[in-house]
Amino acid sequence: MINMTHMNYMTDMTHMNYMTDMKTVGINVYLFHAVPLCIAWVVIFPLSAIIANFRHRFDTWFKLHVSLSVLGLLFTIFGLSVGIMKSEGKHGVLLHRKFGVSFIFILLAQLCLGVYISWKYDPNRMTVPTRDITHWWLGRLCMVWATVTIFIGMEWKHVGIMYIVIVAWALFILFVIYVASVYLHRQERTQDYIYYTEIM
């Protein structure tokens, strides 16, 4: 005779083990989503922007800028792909997902604009084209948008305060370096303008 109590116990244990496995897999999946995106937008893309602001200092800036941008794009594509698969098609349910989906379109616009600027670049230009200025500000918007999206996601997944502090400090340090690079770049542009004005 079948012991129904034993069967129910085994069924409950199987369900608990299944839920535990699913929770572990879920955590791993979210790590594959979050870690590449944090690497891309907390480290790689800010460094790429900083290098672009030091373009008057060394000739290889463009290769480094593009290389880092492509690397950041690969990390972003991987992280977003995992996030989209994990969302099971429900891309607009949570605020984090809404920000993430919107971010894809902003990033695509920024990348297309960067390619167009490279194609239309004129080394003898005397003024900065509007498309370049748009590229600068769109890049800054990307970093702000990504930062907000990251912190919304961390809050949603109840990430430990230690990880939030680490990400916040990394962003703060890179922000200070970026602001300094923007200042130095503007100083060099002003000096170049004075130089060209004097020789004309």
Protein backbone atom coordinates (compact mmCIF):
# COMPACT_ATOMS: atom_id res chain seq x y z
CA MET A 1 0.00 0.00 0.00
CA ILE A 2 1.30 3.42 -0.94
CA ASN A 3 2.12 5.69 1.95
CA MET A 4 0.45 8.97 0.95
CA THR A 5 2.17 10.90 3.75
CA HIS A 6 5.57 9.79 2.44
CA MET A 7 4.60 10.72 -1.14
CA ASN A 8 3.44 14.16 -0.07
CA TYR A 9 6.67 14.66 1.87
CA MET A 10 8.77 13.67 -1.16
CA THR A 11 6.70 15.95 -3.40
CA ASP A 12 7.19 18.88 -1.04
CA MET A 13 10.93 18.24 -0.81
CA THR A 14 11.23 17.98 -4.59
CA HIS A 15 9.37 21.29 -4.94
CA MET A 16 11.63 22.97 -2.36
CA ASN A 17 14.75 21.68 -4.08
CA TYR A 18 13.40 22.86 -7.42
CA MET A 19 12.66 26.32 -6.06
CA THR A 20 16.13 26.48 -4.47
CA ASP A 21 17.76 25.51 -7.77
CA MET A 22 15.67 28.06 -9.64
CA LYS A 23 16.61 30.76 -7.14
CA THR A 24 20.31 29.92 -7.57
CA VAL A 25 19.98 29.94 -11.35
CA GLY A 26 18.08 33.23 -11.15
CA ILE A 27 20.83 34.85 -9.10
CA ASN A 28 23.46 33.63 -11.57
CA VAL A 29 21.45 34.89 -14.53
CA TYR A 30 21.05 38.31 -12.97
CA LEU A 31 24.79 38.42 -12.32
CA PHE A 32 25.40 37.71 -16.01
CA HIS A 33 23.10 40.64 -16.71
CA ALA A 34 24.34 43.11 -14.11
CA VAL A 35 28.11 42.55 -13.99
CA PRO A 36 28.83 43.11 -17.73
CA LEU A 37 26.67 46.24 -17.75
CA CYS A 38 28.36 47.63 -14.64
CA ILE A 39 31.78 46.95 -16.16
CA ALA A 40 30.70 48.67 -19.38
CA TRP A 41 29.07 51.75 -17.86
CA VAL A 42 30.96 52.18 -14.60
CA VAL A 43 34.42 51.59 -16.07
CA ILE A 44 34.81 51.20 -19.85
CA PHE A 45 32.63 53.95 -21.31
CA PRO A 46 33.65 56.60 -18.74
CA LEU A 47 37.32 55.84 -19.52
CA SER A 48 36.55 56.11 -23.23
CA ALA A 49 35.01 59.55 -22.67
CA ILE A 50 37.95 60.66 -20.51
CA ILE A 51 40.44 59.59 -23.19
CA ALA A 52 38.50 61.60 -25.80
CA ASN A 53 38.92 64.71 -23.66
CA PHE A 54 42.71 64.22 -23.69
CA ARG A 55 42.86 63.96 -27.48
CA HIS A 56 45.25 66.93 -27.71
CA ARG A 57 47.76 65.08 -25.53
CA PHE A 58 48.44 61.98 -27.65
CA ASP A 59 47.83 60.84 -31.23
CA THR A 60 46.43 57.39 -30.47
CA TRP A 61 43.42 58.71 -28.56
CA PHE A 62 40.97 57.87 -31.34
CA LYS A 63 42.02 54.22 -31.55
CA LEU A 64 41.75 53.88 -27.78
CA HIS A 65 38.40 55.71 -27.76
CA VAL A 66 36.95 53.45 -30.46
CA SER A 67 38.47 50.27 -29.00
CA LEU A 68 37.02 50.96 -25.56
CA SER A 69 33.67 51.92 -27.07
CA VAL A 70 33.50 48.66 -29.03
CA LEU A 71 34.50 46.69 -25.93
CA GLY A 72 31.86 48.48 -23.87
CA LEU A 73 29.31 47.81 -26.61
CA LEU A 74 30.07 44.08 -26.54
CA PHE A 75 29.64 43.99 -22.75
CA THR A 76 26.42 45.98 -23.12
CA ILE A 77 24.98 43.70 -25.81
CA PHE A 78 25.74 40.64 -23.71
CA GLY A 79 24.25 42.11 -20.53
CA LEU A 80 21.16 43.46 -22.28
CA SER A 81 20.61 40.15 -24.09
CA VAL A 82 20.60 38.29 -20.78
CA GLY A 83 18.24 40.88 -19.31
CA ILE A 84 15.82 40.63 -22.24
CA MET A 85 15.79 36.82 -22.11
CA LYS A 86 15.29 36.89 -18.33
CA SER A 87 12.38 39.32 -18.64
CA GLU A 88 10.44 36.71 -20.69
CA GLY A 89 9.14 39.34 -23.08
CA LYS A 90 7.71 41.60 -20.36
CA HIS A 91 10.00 44.53 -21.13
CA GLY A 92 7.79 47.29 -19.73
CA VAL A 93 6.63 45.83 -16.42
CA LEU A 94 9.25 47.27 -14.09
CA LEU A 95 10.83 50.73 -14.02
CA HIS A 96 14.27 49.14 -14.44
CA ARG A 97 13.16 47.43 -17.63
CA LYS A 98 11.59 50.62 -18.98
CA PHE A 99 14.84 52.48 -18.42
CA GLY A 100 16.81 49.61 -19.96
CA VAL A 101 14.71 49.44 -23.13
CA SER A 102 14.79 53.23 -23.52
CA PHE A 103 18.55 53.15 -23.03
CA ILE A 104 18.98 50.83 -26.02
CA PHE A 105 17.59 53.50 -28.37
CA ILE A 106 19.72 56.27 -26.84
CA LEU A 107 22.84 54.12 -27.16
CA LEU A 108 22.09 53.26 -30.80
CA ALA A 109 21.66 56.95 -31.60
CA GLN A 110 24.98 57.76 -29.91
CA LEU A 111 26.84 55.01 -31.79
CA CYS A 112 25.38 56.00 -35.16
CA LEU A 113 26.29 59.63 -34.50
CA GLY A 114 29.85 58.64 -33.57
CA VAL A 115 30.27 56.71 -36.85
CA TYR A 116 28.85 59.65 -38.81
CA ILE A 117 31.21 62.12 -37.09
CA SER A 118 34.20 59.91 -37.88
CA TRP A 119 33.11 59.72 -41.51
CA LYS A 120 32.61 63.51 -41.86
CA TYR A 121 35.67 64.54 -39.82
CA ASP A 122 37.62 67.48 -41.23
CA PRO A 123 41.10 67.95 -39.67
CA ASN A 124 41.26 71.55 -40.98
CA ARG A 125 38.04 72.74 -39.41
CA MET A 126 38.13 75.98 -37.41
CA THR A 127 34.97 75.45 -35.36
CA VAL A 128 33.36 72.50 -33.61
CA PRO A 129 30.38 71.16 -35.60
CA THR A 130 26.99 70.83 -33.96
CA ARG A 131 27.11 67.06 -34.49
CA ASP A 132 30.23 66.83 -32.31
CA ILE A 133 28.64 68.83 -29.50
CA THR A 134 25.53 66.65 -29.76
CA HIS A 135 27.76 63.56 -29.52
CA TRP A 136 29.37 64.90 -26.32
CA TRP A 137 26.07 65.63 -24.60
CA LEU A 138 24.41 62.46 -25.80
CA GLY A 139 27.35 60.51 -24.35
CA ARG A 140 26.86 62.25 -21.03
CA LEU A 141 23.15 61.47 -21.17
CA CYS A 142 24.01 57.80 -21.81
CA MET A 143 26.22 57.67 -18.72
CA VAL A 144 23.61 59.37 -16.52
CA TRP A 145 20.83 57.16 -17.90
CA ALA A 146 22.93 54.02 -17.38
CA THR A 147 23.79 55.07 -13.83
CA VAL A 148 20.15 55.61 -12.91
CA THR A 149 19.21 52.28 -14.50
CA ILE A 150 21.94 50.46 -12.59
CA PHE A 151 20.90 51.84 -9.22
CA ILE A 152 17.21 51.14 -9.93
CA GLY A 153 18.13 47.55 -10.75
CA MET A 154 20.27 47.22 -7.62
CA GLU A 155 17.43 48.53 -5.48
CA TRP A 156 14.95 46.19 -7.19
CA LYS A 157 17.13 43.13 -6.52
CA HIS A 158 17.89 44.28 -2.95
CA VAL A 159 21.64 44.26 -3.53
CA GLY A 160 23.76 44.58 -0.41
CA ILE A 161 24.81 48.06 0.66
CA MET A 162 28.49 47.16 0.21
CA TYR A 163 28.04 46.66 -3.54
CA ILE A 164 26.04 49.87 -3.86
CA VAL A 165 28.80 51.80 -2.06
CA ILE A 166 31.50 50.26 -4.29
CA VAL A 167 29.62 51.22 -7.46
CA ALA A 168 28.87 54.70 -6.10
CA TRP A 169 32.51 55.35 -5.18
CA ALA A 170 33.75 54.09 -8.56
CA LEU A 171 31.29 56.41 -10.33
CA PHE A 172 32.26 59.34 -8.12
CA ILE A 173 35.99 58.89 -8.78
CA LEU A 174 35.46 58.59 -12.53
CA PHE A 175 33.12 61.59 -12.43
CA VAL A 176 35.80 63.74 -10.80
CA ILE A 177 38.38 62.60 -13.37
CA TYR A 178 35.92 63.23 -16.19
CA VAL A 179 35.10 66.75 -15.00
CA ALA A 180 38.83 67.49 -14.73
CA SER A 181 39.38 66.17 -18.26
CA VAL A 182 36.55 68.36 -19.59
CA TYR A 183 38.08 71.40 -17.90
CA LEU A 184 41.55 70.69 -19.30
CA HIS A 185 40.10 70.09 -22.75
CA ARG A 186 38.27 73.43 -22.70
CA GLN A 187 41.45 75.18 -21.61
CA GLU A 188 43.32 73.66 -24.55
CA ARG A 189 40.53 74.61 -26.96
CA THR A 190 40.69 78.20 -25.69
CA GLN A 191 44.45 78.30 -26.21
CA ASP A 192 44.08 76.85 -29.71
CA TYR A 193 41.46 79.48 -30.55
CA ILE A 194 43.75 82.28 -29.34
CA TYR A 195 46.62 80.81 -31.36
CA TYR A 196 44.64 80.56 -34.59
CA THR A 197 43.23 84.07 -34.08
CA GLU A 198 46.73 85.52 -33.71
CA ILE A 199 48.14 83.86 -36.83
CA MET A 200 45.21 84.81 -39.07
